C-alpha cells in the first residue's frame, strides 16, 4: 500500500506520564495526542498492546488478540461509577515517576479492577455494550478468559504444568472449569471490554486530529499464551504441549550466540490447509486497534531460524522456508491491500527484500546503523529508497545520545576504534558541530531523507541517554520500564520539532510556508 510522506513519534503507552505508576489511556494520552497535533506529527507508533507476562515484555503476551489491562485508566472507572475516587488514590504517592515498578503496579491495578468488576456486577446498569462486545469477540475472548482464569487457579504457572486434562483441553474438564471459574472468566471479559472501550475512544481522538497509529505485530506468539493453548495443532509441540523447536536469530553483530527467543514455531502446512484463518483473524483484530501494522521480524515469512528446543542458545539452528508469497497472497485475496510496514533489519537476504518489494511493503532503516561502513552503507540517507521508514533508533537500540557518547562496547563485537570511526563519520555526515545536539542532527537526517515515514523514539526527541533505553535484547531484567515526565515536552522542543517537520514537508500538505524570523542565541548555540 502506498503511503504519503509523514513523520511521527515512537512511544509505548506504558511510558506516558501520570499517576499510578504506569502510563494509561487517560488524560495524559490525550494530551500526548495534542502534542503530536501541535508539532504537525501524523504518526504515533506503539509496541504490542497485549497483556504481558514474565519479564513484562510486550513481545511475550498472554494473547495476540487481547489488550493489556494495566493500561486501563482508573479515573474513567470513577466516572462510570465503578470506583470511588479514594480507592484509586490509595497508595498512588508511592509510585516512581520515571520508571514502571511492575510488581507494585500489577498489585495496585488488579485490585482496583477487581473492585470495579464487583461494582459492575452489583449495579443495575445497562450492559448491552458489554454483552455485544463479548459476543462479537467470542472467537478469541472465550478462550482467553478461560485461559487466564485457569492460570490464576493454577498459581500462575505455564499451561503445560496444569493437570493433563486441561493441558490437552479435554471437553469435560473444560466445561467443568467454565462452571467452576465463571466469576473469574467474567472478570477477564470485563477488563477486556473496558480496555477496548478506552483504546477505541483514544484511537478515534487521534484519527480526528489526523494522526494514524502504527501498531506492532510480532510474527511469533508466546508459548505460554491462550493462542498456543487453544490452538496446539498450529504449532510444533510434543504430546505434553512443550515446543519441539523454537524461534530466534543466529549469531550476529549484537550477540555471539544469537538470540533464542523461545517462541514455538508455526506449522505453516496446517495453517495453509485452513486458509491461514488464524492469521486472517489476527490481522482483522489488529486493524481495529491501529491504522498501520508493523510486522516484527518480517524475514521469518521468507525463512526462519529453527532452533531445537533443547538447545540453550541460538547457535545450533538452521534456516527453514517460511510461507512466502502464498501467505501474503492469501492475506491480500481475503482482506485486500493492507497498510503494512515490514521490519527487515538484521541479516536480510536478497530473497527477503524481493518478497517485501513484490507486495510493495516499505522496509526499515535505522540511522544508528548507517555509519559502521562507508558511503555505500544502505542506511545512509543518500542511499535510501523512498518506500522506507526511517528511524533514528528503535525500542531495541540505544538512544541516539547513548549510542553517540557510549564509551564501552560490551555485548557487541565492535572494538573501540570502530566506534570512534563511526562517531567521526557521523559528525562529518550530519555536520554535528555541538555533540550535545546530536539527537537533533539525527532527527534532521531522518526528516530530510526521501523515506516515506520518519519515526523518532521519544527518548531521542528529549535527547536522553541510555538510562532511558526501553529494551536491552540480551537482558531479561530492567526492560520496558522507562517513563517520560510531562514537563519534558517544553515549548522549545515543540518549536524545533514543528520546524523540522514543516521544513522537510512531513506535515499535512507537505509545503514549507513559515514566516522568517530573526534567530536568537537559544535557537543557534555557540558553534552552530
Protein backbone atom coordinates (compact mmCIF):
# COMPACT_ATOMS: atom_id res chain seq x y z
CA UNK A 1 0.00 0.00 0.00
CA UNK A 2 1.32 3.44 -0.92
CA UNK A 3 1.80 5.87 1.98
CA UNK A 4 2.16 9.65 1.98
CA UNK A 5 5.19 11.43 3.39
CA UNK A 6 4.83 11.93 7.16
CA UNK A 7 6.64 11.79 10.49
CA UNK A 8 5.84 10.67 13.98
CA UNK A 9 6.92 9.54 17.44
CA UNK A 10 7.55 6.09 18.89
CA UNK A 11 6.21 5.98 22.44
CA UNK A 12 4.55 3.00 24.08
CA UNK A 13 1.56 3.91 26.28
CA UNK A 14 3.25 2.44 29.38
CA UNK A 15 5.82 5.25 29.02
CA UNK A 16 3.26 8.04 29.26
CA UNK A 17 3.36 10.20 32.39
CA UNK A 18 0.64 10.20 35.02
CA UNK A 19 -0.38 8.72 38.35
CA UNK A 20 -0.49 5.07 39.46
CA UNK A 21 2.96 4.05 38.27
CA UNK A 22 2.34 3.36 34.58
CA UNK A 23 1.08 5.21 31.54
CA UNK A 24 -2.61 4.77 30.86
CA UNK A 25 -5.30 5.57 28.30
CA UNK A 26 -6.39 8.62 30.28
CA UNK A 27 -5.83 12.37 30.14
CA UNK A 28 -2.07 12.23 29.57
CA UNK A 29 -2.60 10.04 26.50
CA UNK A 30 -4.99 12.62 25.08
CA UNK A 31 -2.54 15.41 25.87
CA UNK A 32 0.16 13.45 24.04
CA UNK A 33 -2.12 13.35 21.01
CA UNK A 34 -2.43 17.13 21.36
CA UNK A 35 1.37 17.34 21.40
CA UNK A 36 1.57 15.31 18.19
CA UNK A 37 -1.01 17.54 16.56
CA UNK A 38 0.68 20.77 17.70
CA UNK A 39 4.02 19.63 16.29
CA UNK A 40 2.42 18.50 13.00
CA UNK A 41 3.15 14.81 13.53
CA UNK A 42 0.85 12.41 11.70
CA UNK A 43 2.02 9.13 13.22
CA UNK A 44 2.09 7.59 16.70
CA UNK A 45 3.90 4.25 16.86
CA UNK A 46 3.28 1.90 19.79
CA UNK A 47 4.58 -1.52 20.77
CA UNK A 48 2.27 -4.56 21.04
CA UNK A 49 -0.72 -3.74 23.22
CA UNK A 50 -1.36 -7.21 24.65
CA UNK A 51 -1.32 -8.42 28.28
CA UNK A 52 2.26 -9.03 29.29
CA UNK A 53 3.62 -11.97 31.24
CA UNK A 54 7.00 -12.86 32.73
CA UNK A 55 9.56 -10.14 32.06
CA UNK A 56 6.80 -7.62 31.23
CA UNK A 57 7.67 -7.80 27.55
CA UNK A 58 5.00 -6.67 25.08
CA UNK A 59 6.55 -9.20 22.71
CA UNK A 60 5.66 -12.10 25.03
CA UNK A 61 1.94 -11.63 25.64
CA UNK A 62 -0.69 -13.97 27.01
CA UNK A 63 -2.73 -13.30 23.87
CA UNK A 64 -2.17 -11.91 20.38
CA UNK A 65 -5.74 -10.58 20.42
CA UNK A 66 -6.31 -9.18 23.93
CA UNK A 67 -5.41 -5.79 25.38
CA UNK A 68 -3.29 -5.01 28.42
CA UNK A 69 -5.49 -4.24 31.47
CA UNK A 70 -2.56 -2.40 33.09
CA UNK A 71 -3.20 0.41 30.59
CA UNK A 72 -6.78 0.97 31.76
CA UNK A 73 -7.45 4.48 33.03
CA UNK A 74 -8.82 4.26 36.57
CA UNK A 75 -10.34 7.76 36.53
CA UNK A 76 -12.63 6.55 33.77
CA UNK A 77 -13.91 3.84 36.09
CA UNK A 78 -14.63 6.53 38.70
CA UNK A 79 -16.63 8.45 36.11
CA UNK A 80 -18.64 5.31 35.32
CA UNK A 81 -19.44 4.91 38.99
CA UNK A 82 -17.43 1.70 39.26
CA UNK A 83 -14.79 3.01 41.69
CA UNK A 84 -14.82 5.62 44.45
CA UNK A 85 -12.11 8.28 43.97
CA UNK A 86 -10.41 7.44 47.27
CA UNK A 87 -9.76 3.86 46.07
CA UNK A 88 -7.79 4.97 43.02
CA UNK A 89 -5.72 7.42 45.05
CA UNK A 90 -4.74 4.99 47.78
CA UNK A 91 -1.00 4.37 47.56
CA UNK A 92 -0.57 6.46 44.40
CA UNK A 93 2.12 8.63 46.02
CA UNK A 94 4.45 5.67 46.35
CA UNK A 95 4.90 5.06 42.61
CA UNK A 96 8.12 6.23 40.93
CA UNK A 97 7.57 8.81 38.19
CA UNK A 98 10.34 7.87 35.75
CA UNK A 99 10.06 4.09 35.54
CA UNK A 100 7.45 1.37 35.91
CA UNK A 101 7.70 -0.78 39.03
CA UNK A 102 5.67 -3.62 37.53
CA UNK A 103 5.31 -5.60 40.73
CA UNK A 104 3.77 -2.65 42.57
CA UNK A 105 1.68 -1.60 39.56
CA UNK A 106 0.23 -5.07 38.98
CA UNK A 107 -0.82 -5.41 42.61
CA UNK A 108 -2.45 -1.99 42.75
CA UNK A 109 -4.12 -2.06 39.35
CA UNK A 110 -5.55 -5.55 39.56
CA UNK A 111 -7.02 -4.83 42.98
CA UNK A 112 -8.74 -1.72 41.60
CA UNK A 113 -10.02 -3.58 38.55
CA UNK A 114 -11.37 -6.35 40.77
CA UNK A 115 -13.26 -3.77 42.84
CA UNK A 116 -14.63 -2.17 39.69
CA UNK A 117 -15.79 -5.55 38.42
CA UNK A 118 -17.61 -6.32 41.66
CA UNK A 119 -19.38 -2.96 41.46
CA UNK A 120 -20.23 -3.63 37.82
CA UNK A 121 -21.86 -6.91 38.80
CA UNK A 122 -23.87 -5.26 41.58
CA UNK A 123 -25.11 -2.31 39.55
CA UNK A 124 -28.38 -2.37 37.66
CA UNK A 125 -26.69 -0.64 34.75
CA UNK A 126 -27.25 -1.13 31.04
CA UNK A 127 -25.00 -3.94 29.81
CA UNK A 128 -25.88 -4.02 26.14
CA UNK A 129 -22.42 -2.76 25.14
CA UNK A 130 -20.68 -5.32 27.33
CA UNK A 131 -22.85 -8.17 26.06
CA UNK A 132 -22.33 -7.09 22.45
CA UNK A 133 -18.55 -6.95 22.97
CA UNK A 134 -18.47 -10.45 24.47
CA UNK A 135 -20.50 -11.80 21.56
CA UNK A 136 -18.52 -10.04 18.84
CA UNK A 137 -15.14 -11.05 20.29
CA UNK A 138 -16.09 -14.58 21.35
CA UNK A 139 -13.77 -16.14 18.75
CA UNK A 140 -10.75 -15.28 20.90
CA UNK A 141 -12.25 -13.84 24.10
CA UNK A 142 -13.81 -17.08 25.39
CA UNK A 143 -10.53 -18.99 25.19
CA UNK A 144 -8.51 -16.08 26.57
CA UNK A 145 -10.78 -15.52 29.59
CA UNK A 146 -10.81 -19.24 30.40
CA UNK A 147 -7.02 -19.42 29.96
CA UNK A 148 -6.44 -16.52 32.35
CA UNK A 149 -8.90 -17.91 34.89
CA UNK A 150 -7.19 -21.30 34.81
CA UNK A 151 -3.76 -19.69 35.05
CA UNK A 152 -4.83 -17.87 38.22
CA UNK A 153 -6.31 -21.07 39.66
CA UNK A 154 -3.09 -22.95 38.93
CA UNK A 155 -0.91 -20.40 40.69
CA UNK A 156 0.23 -18.56 37.58
CA UNK A 157 2.23 -21.45 36.14
CA UNK A 158 2.66 -22.16 32.45
CA UNK A 159 -0.23 -24.13 30.94
CA UNK A 160 2.00 -27.13 30.26
CA UNK A 161 2.22 -27.60 34.05
CA UNK A 162 -1.55 -27.76 34.52
CA UNK A 163 -3.38 -31.07 35.04
CA UNK A 164 -3.19 -33.26 31.96
CA UNK A 165 -6.88 -32.98 31.12
CA UNK A 166 -6.57 -29.17 30.99
CA UNK A 167 -3.34 -29.25 29.00
CA UNK A 168 -4.99 -31.49 26.42
CA UNK A 169 -8.24 -29.48 26.52
CA UNK A 170 -10.50 -32.37 27.45
CA UNK A 171 -14.06 -31.21 26.71
CA UNK A 172 -15.48 -32.43 30.03
CA UNK A 173 -12.67 -30.83 32.03
CA UNK A 174 -13.06 -27.51 30.19
CA UNK A 175 -16.80 -27.41 30.77
CA UNK A 176 -16.28 -28.09 34.46
CA UNK A 177 -13.71 -25.29 34.57
CA UNK A 178 -16.13 -22.86 32.91
CA UNK A 179 -18.68 -23.55 35.63
CA UNK A 180 -16.16 -23.54 38.47
CA UNK A 181 -14.42 -20.36 37.33
CA UNK A 182 -17.42 -18.44 35.99
CA UNK A 183 -16.72 -15.36 38.10
CA UNK A 184 -13.04 -15.21 37.14
CA UNK A 185 -13.88 -15.69 33.47
CA UNK A 186 -16.40 -12.86 33.64
CA UNK A 187 -13.79 -10.62 35.30
CA UNK A 188 -11.33 -11.08 32.42
CA UNK A 189 -14.04 -10.38 29.87
CA UNK A 190 -14.93 -7.24 31.81
CA UNK A 191 -11.35 -5.90 31.80
CA UNK A 192 -11.07 -6.57 28.07
CA UNK A 193 -14.31 -4.70 27.45
CA UNK A 194 -13.03 -1.71 29.41
CA UNK A 195 -9.64 -1.78 27.62
CA UNK A 196 -11.17 -1.91 24.16
CA UNK A 197 -13.68 0.80 25.01
CA UNK A 198 -10.92 3.12 26.23
CA UNK A 199 -8.49 2.33 23.42
CA UNK A 200 -11.16 2.77 20.74
CA UNK A 201 -12.01 6.21 22.11
CA UNK A 202 -8.32 7.18 22.20
CA UNK A 203 -7.73 5.99 18.64
CA UNK A 204 -10.77 7.93 17.47
CA UNK A 205 -9.40 11.07 19.10
CA UNK A 206 -6.06 10.57 17.33
CA UNK A 207 -7.70 9.94 13.97
CA UNK A 208 -9.89 13.03 14.39
CA UNK A 209 -6.69 15.09 14.62
CA UNK A 210 -5.23 13.47 11.50
CA UNK A 211 -2.92 11.12 13.41
CA UNK A 212 -2.58 7.47 12.43
CA UNK A 213 -1.46 4.84 14.92
CA UNK A 214 1.22 2.35 13.91
CA UNK A 215 0.89 -0.91 15.82
CA UNK A 216 3.42 -3.68 16.22
CA UNK A 217 2.59 -7.26 15.26
CA UNK A 218 5.26 -9.78 16.32
CA UNK A 219 5.45 -12.66 13.86
CA UNK A 220 5.64 -15.20 16.70
CA UNK A 221 3.49 -15.58 19.81
CA UNK A 222 4.45 -16.58 23.34
CA UNK A 223 4.34 -20.27 24.21
CA UNK A 224 2.55 -19.50 27.48
CA UNK A 225 -0.41 -17.90 25.76
CA UNK A 226 -4.06 -18.55 25.07
CA UNK A 227 -3.16 -18.66 21.36
CA UNK A 228 -0.95 -21.74 21.70
CA UNK A 229 -3.02 -23.45 24.40
CA UNK A 230 -6.23 -23.09 22.36
CA UNK A 231 -4.64 -23.98 19.01
CA UNK A 232 -1.90 -26.56 19.71
CA UNK A 233 -2.24 -28.13 16.28
CA UNK A 234 -0.99 -24.91 14.69
CA UNK A 235 2.40 -25.18 16.42
CA UNK A 236 5.26 -27.67 16.67
CA UNK A 237 4.59 -29.15 20.12
CA UNK A 238 5.10 -32.55 21.73
CA UNK A 239 2.36 -34.57 23.45
CA UNK A 240 2.87 -32.60 26.69
CA UNK A 241 2.50 -29.26 24.96
CA UNK A 242 6.18 -28.32 25.01
CA UNK A 243 7.77 -26.87 21.85
CA UNK A 244 9.90 -29.26 19.84
CA UNK A 245 11.66 -26.32 18.18
CA UNK A 246 11.72 -22.62 18.92
CA UNK A 247 12.31 -19.30 17.19
CA UNK A 248 15.26 -16.94 17.31
CA UNK A 249 18.03 -15.49 15.18
CA UNK A 250 21.57 -16.75 14.60
CA UNK A 251 24.75 -15.11 15.95
CA UNK A 252 25.25 -11.58 14.63
CA UNK A 253 26.67 -8.13 15.38
CA UNK A 254 24.76 -7.96 18.66
CA UNK A 255 25.33 -11.43 20.10
CA UNK A 256 27.96 -14.09 19.57
CA UNK A 257 25.44 -16.79 20.50
CA UNK A 258 22.46 -15.32 18.66
CA UNK A 259 19.07 -14.78 20.26
CA UNK A 260 17.00 -17.73 21.46
CA UNK A 261 13.53 -16.22 21.78
CA UNK A 262 11.84 -19.48 22.75
CA UNK A 263 8.59 -18.90 20.85
CA UNK A 264 7.06 -22.07 19.37
CA UNK A 265 7.20 -22.29 15.60
CA UNK A 266 4.15 -22.42 13.35
CA UNK A 267 3.04 -25.46 11.41
CA UNK A 268 2.69 -23.47 8.21
CA UNK A 269 1.45 -26.52 6.31
CA UNK A 270 -1.53 -26.82 8.66
CA UNK A 271 -2.20 -23.10 8.50
CA UNK A 272 -2.18 -23.21 4.72
CA UNK A 273 -4.76 -26.01 4.56
CA UNK A 274 -7.02 -23.83 6.72
CA UNK A 275 -6.59 -20.80 4.52
CA UNK A 276 -4.49 -19.02 7.15
CA UNK A 277 -7.74 -18.36 9.03
CA UNK A 278 -5.96 -17.73 12.35
CA UNK A 279 -3.78 -15.09 10.73
CA UNK A 280 -6.73 -13.50 8.94
CA UNK A 281 -8.47 -13.13 12.31
CA UNK A 282 -5.29 -11.69 13.81
CA UNK A 283 -4.95 -9.04 11.09
CA UNK A 284 -8.63 -8.13 11.35
CA UNK A 285 -8.33 -7.68 15.09
CA UNK A 286 -5.13 -5.66 14.75
CA UNK A 287 -6.70 -3.28 12.27
CA UNK A 288 -9.49 -2.47 14.70
CA UNK A 289 -6.81 -1.21 17.10
CA UNK A 290 -4.37 0.54 14.78
CA UNK A 291 -4.23 2.13 11.34
CA UNK A 292 -0.90 0.73 10.14
CA UNK A 293 0.72 -2.59 11.08
CA UNK A 294 4.47 -3.02 11.54
CA UNK A 295 5.31 -6.73 11.18
CA UNK A 296 8.17 -7.50 13.53
CA UNK A 297 10.73 -9.97 12.09
CA UNK A 298 9.28 -9.87 8.57
CA UNK A 299 12.07 -12.07 7.29
CA UNK A 300 10.52 -15.04 9.10
CA UNK A 301 7.88 -15.22 6.38
CA UNK A 302 10.63 -15.92 3.84
CA UNK A 303 12.90 -18.09 6.01
CA UNK A 304 13.01 -18.52 9.80
CA UNK A 305 15.72 -19.73 12.16
CA UNK A 306 14.69 -23.05 13.69
CA UNK A 307 16.38 -23.96 16.97
CA UNK A 308 15.94 -27.39 18.62
CA UNK A 309 14.07 -26.78 21.86
CA UNK A 310 16.77 -28.45 23.96
CA UNK A 311 19.50 -26.06 22.72
CA UNK A 312 20.45 -23.41 25.31
CA UNK A 313 21.49 -20.82 22.67
CA UNK A 314 20.64 -19.97 19.09
CA UNK A 315 23.95 -21.16 17.68
CA UNK A 316 22.83 -24.61 16.55
CA UNK A 317 19.88 -23.77 14.35
CA UNK A 318 19.02 -23.79 10.68
CA UNK A 319 17.10 -21.71 8.17
CA UNK A 320 13.74 -23.19 7.18
CA UNK A 321 11.47 -21.89 4.40
CA UNK A 322 8.50 -19.81 5.57
CA UNK A 323 5.13 -19.45 3.80
CA UNK A 324 6.47 -16.73 1.49
CA UNK A 325 4.23 -15.39 -1.29
CA UNK A 326 1.47 -17.87 -0.58
CA UNK A 327 0.80 -16.24 2.78
CA UNK A 328 0.67 -12.67 1.54
CA UNK A 329 -1.42 -13.64 -1.47
CA UNK A 330 -3.95 -15.22 0.88
CA UNK A 331 -3.98 -12.11 3.08
CA UNK A 332 -4.45 -9.82 0.09
CA UNK A 333 -7.12 -12.02 -1.51
CA UNK A 334 -9.16 -12.06 1.70
CA UNK A 335 -8.51 -8.61 3.20
CA UNK A 336 -7.26 -6.51 0.30
CA UNK A 337 -4.11 -4.38 0.30
CA UNK A 338 -3.15 -3.89 3.93
CA UNK A 339 -1.24 -0.94 5.43
CA UNK A 340 1.87 -2.89 6.44
CA UNK A 341 5.44 -1.92 7.31
CA UNK A 342 8.00 -4.74 7.09
CA UNK A 343 10.64 -4.80 9.82
CA UNK A 344 13.56 -6.06 7.73
CA UNK A 345 16.53 -5.34 9.98
CA UNK A 346 19.33 -7.78 10.73
CA UNK A 347 20.61 -10.45 8.37
CA UNK A 348 18.48 -9.79 5.29
CA UNK A 349 18.95 -11.74 2.08
CA UNK A 350 18.02 -10.69 -1.42
CA UNK A 351 15.06 -13.08 -1.35
CA UNK A 352 13.64 -11.32 1.72
CA UNK A 353 13.95 -7.94 0.02
CA UNK A 354 12.34 -9.28 -3.14
CA UNK A 355 9.41 -10.69 -1.13
CA UNK A 356 8.88 -7.30 0.51
CA UNK A 357 9.05 -5.47 -2.79
CA UNK A 358 6.68 -7.85 -4.58
CA UNK A 359 3.99 -6.78 -2.15
CA UNK A 360 5.04 -3.13 -2.15
CA UNK A 361 5.78 -3.04 1.58
CA UNK A 362 8.08 -0.34 2.96
CA UNK A 363 11.11 -1.62 4.82
CA UNK A 364 13.04 0.00 7.66
CA UNK A 365 16.30 1.89 8.06
CA UNK A 366 17.94 2.86 11.37
CA UNK A 367 20.36 5.78 11.32
CA UNK A 368 22.47 4.36 14.15
CA UNK A 369 23.46 1.56 11.78
CA UNK A 370 24.40 3.93 8.95
CA UNK A 371 27.96 4.85 9.90
CA UNK A 372 29.62 1.49 10.51
CA UNK A 373 30.99 1.18 6.97
CA UNK A 374 31.48 3.77 4.23
CA UNK A 375 29.35 5.85 1.87
CA UNK A 376 27.81 2.69 0.38
CA UNK A 377 26.02 1.80 3.66
CA UNK A 378 22.40 1.07 2.77
CA UNK A 379 21.08 3.00 5.79
CA UNK A 380 22.71 6.30 4.90
CA UNK A 381 20.04 8.79 3.80
CA UNK A 382 21.52 9.28 0.32
CA UNK A 383 21.20 5.52 -0.35
CA UNK A 384 17.62 5.07 0.84
CA UNK A 385 14.67 4.19 -1.32
CA UNK A 386 11.50 6.29 -0.94
CA UNK A 387 9.50 3.26 0.22
CA UNK A 388 11.37 3.19 3.53
CA UNK A 389 10.52 4.04 7.12
CA UNK A 390 13.50 5.85 8.65
CA UNK A 391 14.19 5.66 12.38
CA UNK A 392 16.84 7.40 14.44
CA UNK A 393 16.63 4.27 16.60
CA UNK A 394 14.08 1.73 17.78
CA UNK A 395 12.92 0.32 21.12
CA UNK A 396 15.67 -2.32 20.87
CA UNK A 397 18.50 0.16 20.28
CA UNK A 398 20.45 2.52 22.42
CA UNK A 399 19.16 6.06 22.40
CA UNK A 400 20.90 8.29 19.88
CA UNK A 401 22.72 10.21 22.64
CA UNK A 402 23.51 6.92 24.39
CA UNK A 403 24.98 5.48 21.20
CA UNK A 404 26.99 8.59 20.41
CA UNK A 405 28.53 9.01 23.85
CA UNK A 406 28.92 5.35 24.80
CA UNK A 407 32.48 4.55 25.85
CA UNK A 408 32.32 0.75 26.03
CA UNK A 409 31.29 -1.93 23.55
CA UNK A 410 30.01 -4.55 25.96
CA UNK A 411 27.81 -7.17 24.33
CA UNK A 412 28.92 -6.47 20.76
CA UNK A 413 31.79 -7.47 18.53
CA UNK A 414 32.72 -3.86 17.76
CA UNK A 415 36.08 -2.61 19.04
CA UNK A 416 36.68 0.88 20.41
CA UNK A 417 38.49 2.08 17.29
CA UNK A 418 35.49 1.16 15.14
CA UNK A 419 33.19 3.10 17.45
CA UNK A 420 35.45 6.14 17.24
CA UNK A 421 35.38 5.89 13.44
CA UNK A 422 31.58 5.69 13.41
CA UNK A 423 31.30 8.84 15.52
CA UNK A 424 33.76 10.67 13.31
CA UNK A 425 31.84 9.72 10.17
CA UNK A 426 28.55 10.70 11.81
CA UNK A 427 30.00 14.11 12.75
CA UNK A 428 31.07 14.69 9.16
CA UNK A 429 27.93 13.39 7.52
CA UNK A 430 25.40 15.09 9.78
CA UNK A 431 27.53 18.23 10.29
CA UNK A 432 27.44 17.71 14.04
CA UNK A 433 29.12 20.83 15.45
CA UNK A 434 27.86 20.53 19.02
CA UNK A 435 27.85 16.98 20.39
CA UNK A 436 25.01 17.70 22.82
CA UNK A 437 22.79 18.40 19.78
CA UNK A 438 23.45 15.03 18.14
CA UNK A 439 19.85 13.88 18.65
CA UNK A 440 18.52 16.91 16.73
CA UNK A 441 21.05 16.31 13.96
CA UNK A 442 19.83 12.74 13.63
CA UNK A 443 16.20 13.84 13.65
CA UNK A 444 17.05 16.27 10.88
CA UNK A 445 18.69 13.48 8.86
CA UNK A 446 15.62 11.29 9.24
CA UNK A 447 13.16 14.05 8.37
CA UNK A 448 15.08 15.31 5.34
CA UNK A 449 15.54 11.81 3.90
CA UNK A 450 13.45 10.51 1.00
CA UNK A 451 11.95 7.85 3.26
CA UNK A 452 8.17 7.98 3.22
CA UNK A 453 7.94 7.92 7.04
CA UNK A 454 10.39 9.27 9.62
CA UNK A 455 9.87 7.94 13.16
CA UNK A 456 11.71 9.14 16.26
CA UNK A 457 11.62 7.46 19.69
CA UNK A 458 10.52 9.97 22.31
CA UNK A 459 13.83 9.43 24.13
CA UNK A 460 15.61 10.90 21.09
CA UNK A 461 13.28 13.88 20.92
CA UNK A 462 14.22 14.55 24.56
CA UNK A 463 17.95 13.87 23.98
CA UNK A 464 18.13 11.26 26.74
CA UNK A 465 20.96 8.80 27.34
CA UNK A 466 20.94 5.03 27.73
CA UNK A 467 19.44 5.22 31.20
CA UNK A 468 16.20 5.91 29.30
CA UNK A 469 16.62 2.92 27.00
CA UNK A 470 13.46 0.82 26.57
CA UNK A 471 14.92 -2.64 25.96
CA UNK A 472 18.22 -4.50 26.16
CA UNK A 473 17.63 -7.59 23.95
CA UNK A 474 20.32 -9.60 25.72
CA UNK A 475 18.96 -8.89 29.20
CA UNK A 476 15.91 -10.37 30.93
CA UNK A 477 15.66 -7.63 33.56
CA UNK A 478 15.27 -3.87 33.61
CA UNK A 479 13.36 -3.65 30.34
CA UNK A 480 10.15 -1.88 29.28
CA UNK A 481 10.26 0.39 32.33
CA UNK A 482 11.11 3.88 31.06
CA UNK A 483 8.57 6.68 31.50
CA UNK A 484 8.66 10.31 30.47
CA UNK A 485 7.63 13.30 32.53
CA UNK A 486 5.08 15.64 31.04
CA UNK A 487 7.25 18.68 31.78
CA UNK A 488 9.88 17.22 29.45
CA UNK A 489 7.80 18.43 26.49
CA UNK A 490 8.98 22.02 26.58
CA UNK A 491 7.93 24.81 24.25
CA UNK A 492 11.43 24.76 22.76
CA UNK A 493 11.15 21.05 21.89
CA UNK A 494 7.74 21.67 20.35
CA UNK A 495 9.09 24.56 18.29
CA UNK A 496 12.11 22.66 16.97
CA UNK A 497 10.13 19.53 16.13
CA UNK A 498 7.45 21.56 14.37
CA UNK A 499 10.08 23.47 12.41
CA UNK A 500 11.86 20.36 11.14
CA UNK A 501 8.56 18.70 10.26
CA UNK A 502 7.49 21.72 8.23
CA UNK A 503 10.82 22.41 6.55
CA UNK A 504 11.07 18.87 5.20
CA UNK A 505 7.46 18.57 4.09
CA UNK A 506 6.30 15.91 6.54
CA UNK A 507 3.22 17.81 7.67
CA UNK A 508 -0.20 17.75 6.04
CA UNK A 509 0.16 19.46 2.68
CA UNK A 510 3.91 18.97 2.60
CA UNK A 511 4.88 22.55 1.67
CA UNK A 512 7.13 24.85 3.68
CA UNK A 513 5.26 28.06 4.45
CA UNK A 514 6.75 29.61 7.56
CA UNK A 515 7.39 33.29 8.01
CA UNK A 516 11.08 34.11 8.53
CA UNK A 517 12.09 35.38 11.95
CA UNK A 518 15.27 36.66 13.49
CA UNK A 519 17.38 33.94 15.09
CA UNK A 520 18.35 34.15 18.73
CA UNK A 521 21.06 32.58 20.81
CA UNK A 522 18.76 29.85 22.15
CA UNK A 523 18.00 28.63 18.64
CA UNK A 524 21.63 28.60 17.50
CA UNK A 525 24.00 27.66 20.31
CA UNK A 526 27.58 28.83 20.07
CA UNK A 527 29.49 26.98 17.40
CA UNK A 528 26.48 26.09 15.29
